Amino acid sequence: MSMEPQKEEPPPERTAQILRFERKKKAEPKAAAQSPLAGLGKFAKTNQPDDFAHRQKTNAAAVLVLMLLVVGGVWLAIKLSELRKSQDCVMAGRRDCAQQISTPTIYR
């Protein structure tokens, strides 16, 4: 048994490895596939006349409801803003927060 130091072999060099990915084949369209719009004909009202007046009344009612919602939302936002200002005044330690202080308007 000899006590010679063993020479370490260098690790083998890594070479680039190319992986090949195969493309998926396109699925062939089914011959029996039906259009999703094909069955909508049963919902068409071809035998009934168009009730224009009723449709206009319904549209007017919808516009009125939307306008009420918008006006109510604006009113609510204004009231919440006033409440926030009032609470800020109270939290600052002031005593006359409920009074509206009028400022003179300067006209030039």
PDB file of N, CA and C in Angstrom:
ATOM      1  N   MET A   1       0.827  -1.180   0.000  1.00  0.00           N
ATOM      2  CA  MET A   1       0.000   0.000   0.000  1.00  0.00           C
ATOM      3  C   MET A   1       0.862   1.231   0.000  1.00  0.00           C
ATOM      4  N   SER A   2       0.681   1.899  -1.031  1.00  0.00           N
ATOM      5  CA  SER A   2       1.447   3.132  -1.120  1.00  0.00           C
ATOM      6  C   SER A   2       0.590   4.298  -0.674  1.00  0.00           C
ATOM      7  N   MET A   3       1.257   5.232  -0.131  1.00  0.00           N
ATOM      8  CA  MET A   3       0.574   6.390   0.408  1.00  0.00           C
ATOM      9  C   MET A   3       0.662   7.566  -0.531  1.00  0.00           C
ATOM     10  N   GLU A   4       0.586   7.316  -1.765  1.00  0.00           N
ATOM     11  CA  GLU A   4       0.651   8.411  -2.724  1.00  0.00           C
ATOM     12  C   GLU A   4      -0.692   9.124  -2.768  1.00  0.00           C
ATOM     13  N   PRO A   5      -0.623  10.421  -2.841  1.00  0.00           N
ATOM     14  CA  PRO A   5      -1.901  11.141  -2.948  1.00  0.00           C
ATOM     15  C   PRO A   5      -2.562  10.833  -4.285  1.00  0.00           C
ATOM     16  N   GLN A   6      -3.847  10.604  -4.205  1.00  0.00           N
ATOM     17  CA  GLN A   6      -4.577  10.317  -5.431  1.00  0.00           C
ATOM     18  C   GLN A   6      -4.903  11.611  -6.147  1.00  0.00           C
ATOM     19  N   LYS A   7      -4.739  11.567  -7.415  1.00  0.00           N
ATOM     20  CA  LYS A   7      -5.052  12.741  -8.214  1.00  0.00           C
ATOM     21  C   LYS A   7      -6.548  12.782  -8.455  1.00  0.00           C
ATOM     22  N   GLU A   8      -7.097  13.946  -8.174  1.00  0.00           N
ATOM     23  CA  GLU A   8      -8.532  14.110  -8.422  1.00  0.00           C
ATOM     24  C   GLU A   8      -8.739  14.418  -9.891  1.00  0.00           C
ATOM     25  N   GLU A   9      -9.672  13.730 -10.459  1.00  0.00           N
ATOM     26  CA  GLU A   9      -9.971  13.989 -11.853  1.00  0.00           C
ATOM     27  C   GLU A   9     -10.939  15.164 -11.932  1.00  0.00           C
ATOM     28  N   PRO A  10     -10.692  16.050 -12.861  1.00  0.00           N
ATOM     29  CA  PRO A  10     -11.624  17.185 -12.978  1.00  0.00           C
ATOM     30  C   PRO A  10     -12.997  16.680 -13.429  1.00  0.00           C
ATOM     31  N   PRO A  11     -14.052  17.374 -12.947  1.00  0.00           N
ATOM     32  CA  PRO A  11     -15.396  16.941 -13.340  1.00  0.00           C
ATOM     33  C   PRO A  11     -15.565  17.091 -14.857  1.00  0.00           C
ATOM     34  N   PRO A  12     -16.335  16.220 -15.447  1.00  0.00           N
ATOM     35  CA  PRO A  12     -16.513  16.327 -16.898  1.00  0.00           C
ATOM     36  C   PRO A  12     -17.196  17.637 -17.253  1.00  0.00           C
ATOM     37  N   GLU A  13     -16.793  18.168 -18.358  1.00  0.00           N
ATOM     38  CA  GLU A  13     -17.381  19.448 -18.784  1.00  0.00           C
ATOM     39  C   GLU A  13     -18.838  19.247 -19.162  1.00  0.00           C
ATOM     40  N   ARG A  14     -19.604  20.185 -18.768  1.00  0.00           N
ATOM     41  CA  ARG A  14     -21.023  20.119 -19.109  1.00  0.00           C
ATOM     42  C   ARG A  14     -21.203  20.707 -20.491  1.00  0.00           C
ATOM     43  N   THR A  15     -21.922  20.015 -21.255  1.00  0.00           N
ATOM     44  CA  THR A  15     -22.203  20.510 -22.596  1.00  0.00           C
ATOM     45  C   THR A  15     -23.664  20.907 -22.665  1.00  0.00           C
ATOM     46  N   ALA A  16     -23.937  21.776 -23.562  1.00  0.00           N
ATOM     47  CA  ALA A  16     -25.318  22.232 -23.720  1.00  0.00           C
ATOM     48  C   ALA A  16     -26.174  21.080 -24.218  1.00  0.00           C
ATOM     49  N   GLN A  17     -27.361  21.041 -23.700  1.00  0.00           N
ATOM     50  CA  GLN A  17     -28.275  19.986 -24.107  1.00  0.00           C
ATOM     51  C   GLN A  17     -29.515  20.637 -24.687  1.00  0.00           C
ATOM     52  N   ILE A  18     -29.901  20.259 -25.856  1.00  0.00           N
ATOM     53  CA  ILE A  18     -31.057  20.846 -26.529  1.00  0.00           C
ATOM     54  C   ILE A  18     -32.243  19.921 -26.347  1.00  0.00           C
ATOM     55  N   LEU A  19     -33.291  20.460 -25.807  1.00  0.00           N
ATOM     56  CA  LEU A  19     -34.517  19.694 -25.626  1.00  0.00           C
ATOM     57  C   LEU A  19     -35.470  20.038 -26.757  1.00  0.00           C
ATOM     58  N   ARG A  20     -36.032  19.054 -27.355  1.00  0.00           N
ATOM     59  CA  ARG A  20     -36.965  19.284 -28.454  1.00  0.00           C
ATOM     60  C   ARG A  20     -38.388  19.135 -27.916  1.00  0.00           C
ATOM     61  N   PHE A  21     -39.164  20.158 -28.188  1.00  0.00           N
ATOM     62  CA  PHE A  21     -40.570  20.138 -27.811  1.00  0.00           C
ATOM     63  C   PHE A  21     -41.384  19.978 -29.081  1.00  0.00           C
ATOM     64  N   GLU A  22     -42.209  18.986 -29.076  1.00  0.00           N
ATOM     65  CA  GLU A  22     -43.037  18.770 -30.248  1.00  0.00           C
ATOM     66  C   GLU A  22     -44.296  19.623 -30.145  1.00  0.00           C
ATOM     67  N   ARG A  23     -44.676  20.186 -31.255  1.00  0.00           N
ATOM     68  CA  ARG A  23     -45.891  20.998 -31.271  1.00  0.00           C
ATOM     69  C   ARG A  23     -47.105  20.083 -31.241  1.00  0.00           C
ATOM     70  N   LYS A  24     -48.111  20.575 -30.552  1.00  0.00           N
ATOM     71  CA  LYS A  24     -49.355  19.814 -30.505  1.00  0.00           C
ATOM     72  C   LYS A  24     -50.063  19.960 -31.837  1.00  0.00           C
ATOM     73  N   LYS A  25     -50.670  18.899 -32.230  1.00  0.00           N
ATOM     74  CA  LYS A  25     -51.421  18.952 -33.480  1.00  0.00           C
ATOM     75  C   LYS A  25     -52.731  19.675 -33.232  1.00  0.00           C
ATOM     76  N   LYS A  26     -53.131  20.485 -34.201  1.00  0.00           N
ATOM     77  CA  LYS A  26     -54.394  21.210 -34.074  1.00  0.00           C
ATOM     78  C   LYS A  26     -55.549  20.233 -34.125  1.00  0.00           C
ATOM     79  N   ALA A  27     -56.493  20.479 -33.249  1.00  0.00           N
ATOM     80  CA  ALA A  27     -57.669  19.617 -33.229  1.00  0.00           C
ATOM     81  C   ALA A  27     -58.507  19.886 -34.468  1.00  0.00           C
ATOM     82  N   GLU A  28     -58.966  18.838 -35.053  1.00  0.00           N
ATOM     83  CA  GLU A  28     -59.792  18.992 -36.238  1.00  0.00           C
ATOM     84  C   GLU A  28     -61.201  19.377 -35.812  1.00  0.00           C
ATOM     85  N   PRO A  29     -61.827  20.306 -36.537  1.00  0.00           N
ATOM     86  CA  PRO A  29     -63.183  20.703 -36.160  1.00  0.00           C
ATOM     87  C   PRO A  29     -64.155  19.542 -36.325  1.00  0.00           C
ATOM     88  N   LYS A  30     -65.058  19.473 -35.381  1.00  0.00           N
ATOM     89  CA  LYS A  30     -66.046  18.403 -35.434  1.00  0.00           C
ATOM     90  C   LYS A  30     -67.077  18.715 -36.509  1.00  0.00           C
ATOM     91  N   ALA A  31     -67.425  17.737 -37.248  1.00  0.00           N
ATOM     92  CA  ALA A  31     -68.379  17.926 -38.343  1.00  0.00           C
ATOM     93  C   ALA A  31     -69.784  18.159 -37.800  1.00  0.00           C
ATOM     94  N   ALA A  32     -70.110  17.589 -36.654  1.00  0.00           N
ATOM     95  CA  ALA A  32     -71.466  17.691 -36.123  1.00  0.00           C
ATOM     96  C   ALA A  32     -71.625  18.850 -35.147  1.00  0.00           C
ATOM     97  N   ALA A  33     -70.606  19.703 -34.997  1.00  0.00           N
ATOM     98  CA  ALA A  33     -70.692  20.806 -34.041  1.00  0.00           C
ATOM     99  C   ALA A  33     -71.714  21.830 -34.521  1.00  0.00           C
ATOM    100  N   GLN A  34     -72.594  22.235 -33.619  1.00  0.00           N
ATOM    101  CA  GLN A  34     -73.616  23.227 -33.955  1.00  0.00           C
ATOM    102  C   GLN A  34     -73.226  24.571 -33.360  1.00  0.00           C
ATOM    103  N   SER A  35     -73.648  25.588 -34.015  1.00  0.00           N
ATOM    104  CA  SER A  35     -73.395  26.935 -33.526  1.00  0.00           C
ATOM    105  C   SER A  35     -74.237  27.175 -32.280  1.00  0.00           C
ATOM    106  N   PRO A  36     -73.700  27.872 -31.269  1.00  0.00           N
ATOM    107  CA  PRO A  36     -74.503  28.152 -30.075  1.00  0.00           C
ATOM    108  C   PRO A  36     -75.672  29.084 -30.385  1.00  0.00           C
ATOM    109  N   LEU A  37     -75.627  29.782 -31.499  1.00  0.00           N
ATOM    110  CA  LEU A  37     -76.699  30.700 -31.860  1.00  0.00           C
ATOM    111  C   LEU A  37     -77.812  30.015 -32.643  1.00  0.00           C
ATOM    112  N   ALA A  38     -77.637  28.754 -32.988  1.00  0.00           N
ATOM    113  CA  ALA A  38     -78.617  28.073 -33.821  1.00  0.00           C
ATOM    114  C   ALA A  38     -79.965  27.915 -33.113  1.00  0.00           C
ATOM    115  N   GLY A  39     -79.970  27.757 -31.808  1.00  0.00           N
ATOM    116  CA  GLY A  39     -81.216  27.518 -31.089  1.00  0.00           C
ATOM    117  C   GLY A  39     -81.909  28.772 -30.596  1.00  0.00           C
ATOM    118  N   LEU A  40     -81.451  29.950 -30.986  1.00  0.00           N
ATOM    119  CA  LEU A  40     -82.050  31.185 -30.485  1.00  0.00           C
ATOM    120  C   LEU A  40     -83.328  31.563 -31.212  1.00  0.00           C
ATOM    121  N   GLY A  41     -83.622  30.914 -32.301  1.00  0.00           N
ATOM    122  CA  GLY A  41     -84.826  31.245 -33.067  1.00  0.00           C
ATOM    123  C   GLY A  41     -86.096  31.010 -32.281  1.00  0.00           C
ATOM    124  N   LYS A  42     -86.075  30.096 -31.329  1.00  0.00           N
ATOM    125  CA  LYS A  42     -87.283  29.816 -30.558  1.00  0.00           C
ATOM    126  C   LYS A  42     -87.654  30.970 -29.615  1.00  0.00           C
ATOM    127  N   PHE A  43     -86.704  31.871 -29.361  1.00  0.00           N
ATOM    128  CA  PHE A  43     -86.991  32.997 -28.483  1.00  0.00           C
ATOM    129  C   PHE A  43     -87.469  34.228 -29.235  1.00  0.00           C
ATOM    130  N   ALA A  44     -87.397  34.233 -30.528  1.00  0.00           N
ATOM    131  CA  ALA A  44     -87.818  35.375 -31.329  1.00  0.00           C
ATOM    132  C   ALA A  44     -89.348  35.469 -31.330  1.00  0.00           C
ATOM    133  N   LYS A  45     -89.844  36.686 -31.178  1.00  0.00           N
ATOM    134  CA  LYS A  45     -91.293  36.906 -31.178  1.00  0.00           C
ATOM    135  C   LYS A  45     -91.691  37.458 -32.542  1.00  0.00           C
ATOM    136  N   THR A  46     -91.742  36.612 -33.485  1.00  0.00           N
ATOM    137  CA  THR A  46     -92.040  37.079 -34.843  1.00  0.00           C
ATOM    138  C   THR A  46     -93.525  37.270 -35.072  1.00  0.00           C
ATOM    139  N   ASN A  47     -94.375  36.590 -34.308  1.00  0.00           N
ATOM    140  CA  ASN A  47     -95.801  36.697 -34.558  1.00  0.00           C
ATOM    141  C   ASN A  47     -96.473  37.795 -33.746  1.00  0.00           C
ATOM    142  N   GLN A  48     -95.760  38.428 -32.814  1.00  0.00           N
ATOM    143  CA  GLN A  48     -96.362  39.480 -31.998  1.00  0.00           C
ATOM    144  C   GLN A  48     -95.864  40.843 -32.470  1.00  0.00           C
ATOM    145  N   PRO A  49     -96.775  41.829 -32.535  1.00  0.00           N
ATOM    146  CA  PRO A  49     -96.350  43.165 -32.955  1.00  0.00           C
ATOM    147  C   PRO A  49     -95.522  43.846 -31.862  1.00  0.00           C
ATOM    148  N   ASP A  50     -94.693  44.777 -32.271  1.00  0.00           N
ATOM    149  CA  ASP A  50     -93.859  45.521 -31.337  1.00  0.00           C
ATOM    150  C   ASP A  50     -94.705  46.559 -30.613  1.00  0.00           C
ATOM    151  N   ASP A  51     -94.697  46.545 -29.279  1.00  0.00           N
ATOM    152  CA  ASP A  51     -95.464  47.512 -28.486  1.00  0.00           C
ATOM    153  C   ASP A  51     -94.540  48.679 -28.150  1.00  0.00           C
ATOM    154  N   PHE A  52     -94.471  49.628 -29.081  1.00  0.00           N
ATOM    155  CA  PHE A  52     -93.539  50.746 -28.957  1.00  0.00           C
ATOM    156  C   PHE A  52     -93.860  51.611 -27.744  1.00  0.00           C
ATOM    157  N   ALA A  53     -95.125  51.887 -27.500  1.00  0.00           N
ATOM    158  CA  ALA A  53     -95.515  52.762 -26.383  1.00  0.00           C
ATOM    159  C   ALA A  53     -95.121  52.140 -25.043  1.00  0.00           C
ATOM    160  N   HIS A  54     -95.343  50.847 -24.901  1.00  0.00           N
ATOM    161  CA  HIS A  54     -94.980  50.183 -23.643  1.00  0.00           C
ATOM    162  C   HIS A  54     -93.477  50.202 -23.433  1.00  0.00           C
ATOM    163  N   ARG A  55     -92.740  49.976 -24.502  1.00  0.00           N
ATOM    164  CA  ARG A  55     -91.285  49.986 -24.405  1.00  0.00           C
ATOM    165  C   ARG A  55     -90.779  51.374 -24.022  1.00  0.00           C
ATOM    166  N   GLN A  56     -91.385  52.439 -24.573  1.00  0.00           N
ATOM    167  CA  GLN A  56     -90.975  53.805 -24.241  1.00  0.00           C
ATOM    168  C   GLN A  56     -91.292  54.135 -22.781  1.00  0.00           C
ATOM    169  N   LYS A  57     -92.437  53.671 -22.292  1.00  0.00           N
ATOM    170  CA  LYS A  57     -92.794  53.905 -20.884  1.00  0.00           C
ATOM    171  C   LYS A  57     -91.811  53.179 -19.958  1.00  0.00           C
ATOM    172  N   THR A  58     -91.446  51.974 -20.328  1.00  0.00           N
ATOM    173  CA  THR A  58     -90.489  51.212 -19.520  1.00  0.00           C
ATOM    174  C   THR A  58     -89.130  51.894 -19.510  1.00  0.00           C
ATOM    175  N   ASN A  59     -88.700  52.383 -20.670  1.00  0.00           N
ATOM    176  CA  ASN A  59     -87.417  53.097 -20.742  1.00  0.00           C
ATOM    177  C   ASN A  59     -87.450  54.374 -19.915  1.00  0.00           C
ATOM    178  N   ALA A  60     -88.573  55.109 -19.975  1.00  0.00           N
ATOM    179  CA  ALA A  60     -88.702  56.341 -19.189  1.00  0.00           C
ATOM    180  C   ALA A  60     -88.653  56.029 -17.693  1.00  0.00           C
ATOM    181  N   ALA A  61     -89.306  54.948 -17.278  1.00  0.00           N
ATOM    182  CA  ALA A  61     -89.278  54.566 -15.865  1.00  0.00           C
ATOM    183  C   ALA A  61     -87.857  54.190 -15.445  1.00  0.00           C
ATOM    184  N   ALA A  62     -87.136  53.497 -16.308  1.00  0.00           N
ATOM    185  CA  ALA A  62     -85.759  53.113 -15.982  1.00  0.00           C
ATOM    186  C   ALA A  62     -84.870  54.345 -15.855  1.00  0.00           C
ATOM    187  N   VAL A  63     -85.045  55.314 -16.750  1.00  0.00           N
ATOM    188  CA  VAL A  63     -84.258  56.555 -16.676  1.00  0.00           C
ATOM    189  C   VAL A  63     -84.591  57.311 -15.399  1.00  0.00           C
ATOM    190  N   LEU A  64     -85.867  57.336 -15.024  1.00  0.00           N
ATOM    191  CA  LEU A  64     -86.278  58.031 -13.796  1.00  0.00           C
ATOM    192  C   LEU A  64     -85.643  57.368 -12.568  1.00  0.00           C
ATOM    193  N   VAL A  65     -85.650  56.051 -12.524  1.00  0.00           N
ATOM    194  CA  VAL A  65     -85.039  55.339 -11.388  1.00  0.00           C
ATOM    195  C   VAL A  65     -83.540  55.626 -11.328  1.00  0.00           C
ATOM    196  N   LEU A  66     -82.875  55.618 -12.473  1.00  0.00           N
ATOM    197  CA  LEU A  66     -81.436  55.904 -12.487  1.00  0.00           C
ATOM    198  C   LEU A  66     -81.141  57.331 -12.044  1.00  0.00           C
ATOM    199  N   MET A  67     -81.968  58.277 -12.474  1.00  0.00           N
ATOM    200  CA  MET A  67     -81.772  59.663 -12.051  1.00  0.00           C
ATOM    201  C   MET A  67     -81.962  59.803 -10.538  1.00  0.00           C
ATOM    202  N   LEU A  68     -82.958  59.116  -9.991  1.00  0.00           N
ATOM    203  CA  LEU A  68     -83.164  59.162  -8.540  1.00  0.00           C
ATOM    204  C   LEU A  68     -81.960  58.561  -7.802  1.00  0.00           C
ATOM    205  N   LEU A  69     -81.411  57.501  -8.337  1.00  0.00           N
ATOM    206  CA  LEU A  69     -80.225  56.911  -7.714  1.00  0.00           C
ATOM    207  C   LEU A  69     -79.030  57.865  -7.753  1.00  0.00           C
ATOM    208  N   VAL A  70     -78.842  58.548  -8.864  1.00  0.00           N
ATOM    209  CA  VAL A  70     -77.724  59.487  -8.979  1.00  0.00           C
ATOM    210  C   VAL A  70     -77.918  60.660  -8.032  1.00  0.00           C
ATOM    211  N   VAL A  71     -79.117  61.233  -8.010  1.00  0.00           N
ATOM    212  CA  VAL A  71     -79.386  62.370  -7.124  1.00  0.00           C
ATOM    213  C   VAL A  71     -79.237  61.947  -5.664  1.00  0.00           C
ATOM    214  N   GLY A  72     -79.743  60.760  -5.321  1.00  0.00           N
ATOM    215  CA  GLY A  72     -79.601  60.268  -3.953  1.00  0.00           C
ATOM    216  C   GLY A  72     -78.137  60.047  -3.589  1.00  0.00           C
ATOM    217  N   GLY A  73     -77.342  59.554  -4.514  1.00  0.00           N
ATOM    218  CA  GLY A  73     -75.925  59.351  -4.247  1.00  0.00           C
ATOM    219  C   GLY A  73     -75.180  60.653  -4.032  1.00  0.00           C
ATOM    220  N   VAL A  74     -75.498  61.662  -4.844  1.00  0.00           N
ATOM    221  CA  VAL A  74     -74.854  62.973  -4.681  1.00  0.00           C
ATOM    222  C   VAL A  74     -75.254  63.585  -3.341  1.00  0.00           C
ATOM    223  N   TRP A  75     -76.554  63.504  -3.003  1.00  0.00           N
ATOM    224  CA  TRP A  75     -77.031  64.054  -1.725  1.00  0.00           C
ATOM    225  C   TRP A  75     -76.325  63.350  -0.562  1.00  0.00           C
ATOM    226  N   LEU A  76     -76.209  62.033  -0.643  1.00  0.00           N
ATOM    227  CA  LEU A  76     -75.554  61.277   0.418  1.00  0.00           C
ATOM    228  C   LEU A  76     -74.076  61.659   0.541  1.00  0.00           C
ATOM    229  N   ALA A  77     -73.405  61.862  -0.568  1.00  0.00           N
ATOM    230  CA  ALA A  77     -71.994  62.259  -0.526  1.00  0.00           C
ATOM    231  C   ALA A  77     -71.837  63.633   0.118  1.00  0.00           C
ATOM    232  N   ILE A  78     -72.734  64.553  -0.197  1.00  0.00           N
ATOM    233  CA  ILE A  78     -72.667  65.891   0.402  1.00  0.00           C
ATOM    234  C   ILE A  78     -72.902  65.814   1.909  1.00  0.00           C
ATOM    235  N   LYS A  79     -73.898  65.044   2.328  1.00  0.00           N
ATOM    236  CA  LYS A  79     -74.194  64.922   3.761  1.00  0.00           C
ATOM    237  C   LYS A  79     -73.030  64.257   4.511  1.00  0.00           C
ATOM    238  N   LEU A  80     -72.419  63.256   3.907  1.00  0.00           N
ATOM    239  CA  LEU A  80     -71.277  62.610   4.558  1.00  0.00           C
ATOM    240  C   LEU A  80     -70.092  63.571   4.671  1.00  0.00           C
ATOM    241  N   SER A  81     -69.920  64.418   3.666  1.00  0.00           N
ATOM    242  CA  SER A  81     -68.847  65.405   3.716  1.00  0.00           C
ATOM    243  C   SER A  81     -69.102  66.418   4.829  1.00  0.00           C
ATOM    244  N   GLU A  82     -70.343  66.865   4.960  1.00  0.00           N
ATOM    245  CA  GLU A  82     -70.683  67.809   6.039  1.00  0.00           C
ATOM    246  C   GLU A  82     -70.481  67.164   7.406  1.00  0.00           C
ATOM    247  N   LEU A  83     -70.865  65.902   7.533  1.00  0.00           N
ATOM    248  CA  LEU A  83     -70.703  65.193   8.792  1.00  0.00           C
ATOM    249  C   LEU A  83     -69.224  65.048   9.140  1.00  0.00           C
ATOM    250  N   ARG A  84     -68.405  64.747   8.133  1.00  0.00           N
ATOM    251  CA  ARG A  84     -66.966  64.614   8.374  1.00  0.00           C
ATOM    252  C   ARG A  84     -66.372  65.933   8.838  1.00  0.00           C
ATOM    253  N   LYS A  85     -66.783  67.038   8.191  1.00  0.00           N
ATOM    254  CA  LYS A  85     -66.273  68.353   8.615  1.00  0.00           C
ATOM    255  C   LYS A  85     -66.692  68.679  10.036  1.00  0.00           C
ATOM    256  N   SER A  86     -67.934  68.323  10.379  1.00  0.00           N
ATOM    257  CA  SER A  86     -68.424  68.576  11.736  1.00  0.00           C
ATOM    258  C   SER A  86     -67.643  67.741  12.752  1.00  0.00           C
ATOM    259  N   GLN A  87     -67.396  66.497  12.439  1.00  0.00           N
ATOM    260  CA  GLN A  87     -66.638  65.646  13.358  1.00  0.00           C
ATOM    261  C   GLN A  87     -65.190  66.118  13.485  1.00  0.00           C
ATOM    262  N   ASP A  88     -64.599  66.573  12.399  1.00  0.00           N
ATOM    263  CA  ASP A  88     -63.240  67.118  12.471  1.00  0.00           C
ATOM    264  C   ASP A  88     -63.196  68.331  13.376  1.00  0.00           C
ATOM    265  N   CYS A  89     -64.233  69.159  13.301  1.00  0.00           N
ATOM    266  CA  CYS A  89     -64.306  70.363  14.136  1.00  0.00           C
ATOM    267  C   CYS A  89     -64.386  69.973  15.617  1.00  0.00           C
ATOM    268  N   VAL A  90     -65.227  69.003  15.934  1.00  0.00           N
ATOM    269  CA  VAL A  90     -65.391  68.569  17.326  1.00  0.00           C
ATOM    270  C   VAL A  90     -64.099  67.935  17.837  1.00  0.00           C
ATOM    271  N   MET A  91     -63.457  67.117  16.993  1.00  0.00           N
ATOM    272  CA  MET A  91     -62.231  66.458  17.412  1.00  0.00           C
ATOM    273  C   MET A  91     -61.086  67.459  17.604  1.00  0.00           C
ATOM    274  N   ALA A  92     -61.173  68.613  16.970  1.00  0.00           N
ATOM    275  CA  ALA A  92     -60.158  69.638  17.145  1.00  0.00           C
ATOM    276  C   ALA A  92     -60.362  70.409  18.452  1.00  0.00           C
ATOM    277  N   GLY A  93     -61.485  70.181  19.121  1.00  0.00           N
ATOM    278  CA  GLY A  93     -61.719  70.812  20.413  1.00  0.00           C
ATOM    279  C   GLY A  93     -62.491  72.119  20.326  1.00  0.00           C
ATOM    280  N   ARG A  94     -63.079  72.415  19.237  1.00  0.00           N
ATOM    281  CA  ARG A  94     -63.857  73.650  19.110  1.00  0.00           C
ATOM    282  C   ARG A  94     -65.233  73.448  19.720  1.00  0.00           C
ATOM    283  N   ARG A  95     -65.863  74.580  20.086  1.00  0.00           N
ATOM    284  CA  ARG A  95     -67.161  74.500  20.739  1.00  0.00           C
ATOM    285  C   ARG A  95     -68.316  74.960  19.855  1.00  0.00           C
ATOM    286  N   ASP A  96     -68.049  75.698  18.834  1.00  0.00           N
ATOM    287  CA  ASP A  96     -69.126  76.254  18.011  1.00  0.00           C
ATOM    288  C   ASP A  96     -69.213  75.537  16.657  1.00  0.00           C
ATOM    289  N   CYS A  97     -69.155  74.248  16.671  1.00  0.00           N
ATOM    290  CA  CYS A  97     -69.110  73.489  15.416  1.00  0.00           C
ATOM    291  C   CYS A  97     -70.464  73.415  14.732  1.00  0.00           C
ATOM    292  N   ALA A  98     -71.566  73.544  15.482  1.00  0.00           N
ATOM    293  CA  ALA A  98     -72.894  73.418  14.888  1.00  0.00           C
ATOM    294  C   ALA A  98     -73.318  74.695  14.171  1.00  0.00           C
ATOM    295  N   GLN A  99     -72.682  75.788  14.456  1.00  0.00           N
ATOM    296  CA  GLN A  99     -73.066  77.062  13.845  1.00  0.00           C
ATOM    297  C   GLN A  99     -72.415  77.195  12.477  1.00  0.00           C
ATOM    298  N   GLN A 100     -73.184  77.728  11.564  1.00  0.00           N
ATOM    299  CA  GLN A 100     -72.634  78.047  10.259  1.00  0.00           C
ATOM    300  C   GLN A 100     -72.106  79.477  10.319  1.00  0.00           C
ATOM    301  N   ILE A 101     -70.839  79.622  10.104  1.00  0.00           N
ATOM    302  CA  ILE A 101     -70.229  80.947  10.134  1.00  0.00           C
ATOM    303  C   ILE A 101     -70.313  81.529   8.736  1.00  0.00           C
ATOM    304  N   SER A 102     -70.978  82.663   8.656  1.00  0.00           N
ATOM    305  CA  SER A 102     -71.118  83.284   7.339  1.00  0.00           C
ATOM    306  C   SER A 102     -69.943  84.241   7.125  1.00  0.00           C
ATOM    307  N   THR A 103     -69.421  84.179   5.947  1.00  0.00           N
ATOM    308  CA  THR A 103     -68.321  85.077   5.601  1.00  0.00           C
ATOM    309  C   THR A 103     -68.847  86.098   4.599  1.00  0.00           C
ATOM    310  N   PRO A 104     -68.434  87.327   4.773  1.00  0.00           N
ATOM    311  CA  PRO A 104     -68.926  88.353   3.837  1.00  0.00           C
ATOM    312  C   PRO A 104     -68.345  88.130   2.438  1.00  0.00           C
ATOM    313  N   THR A 105     -69.165  88.369   1.448  1.00  0.00           N
ATOM    314  CA  THR A 105     -68.744  88.251   0.071  1.00  0.00           C
ATOM    315  C   THR A 105     -68.237  89.593  -0.410  1.00  0.00           C
ATOM    316  N   ILE A 106     -67.086  89.615  -0.988  1.00  0.00           N
ATOM    317  CA  ILE A 106     -66.510  90.872  -1.468  1.00  0.00           C
ATOM    318  C   ILE A 106     -66.763  90.975  -2.970  1.00  0.00           C
ATOM    319  N   TYR A 107     -67.449  92.046  -3.343  1.00  0.00           N
ATOM    320  CA  TYR A 107     -67.708  92.275  -4.763  1.00  0.00           C
ATOM    321  C   TYR A 107     -66.765  93.349  -5.251  1.00  0.00           C
ATOM    322  N   ARG A 108     -66.218  93.178  -6.386  1.00  0.00           N
ATOM    323  CA  ARG A 108     -65.316  94.189  -6.946  1.00  0.00           C
ATOM    324  C   ARG A 108     -65.898  94.757  -8.175  1.00  0.00           C
TER     325      ARG A 108
END
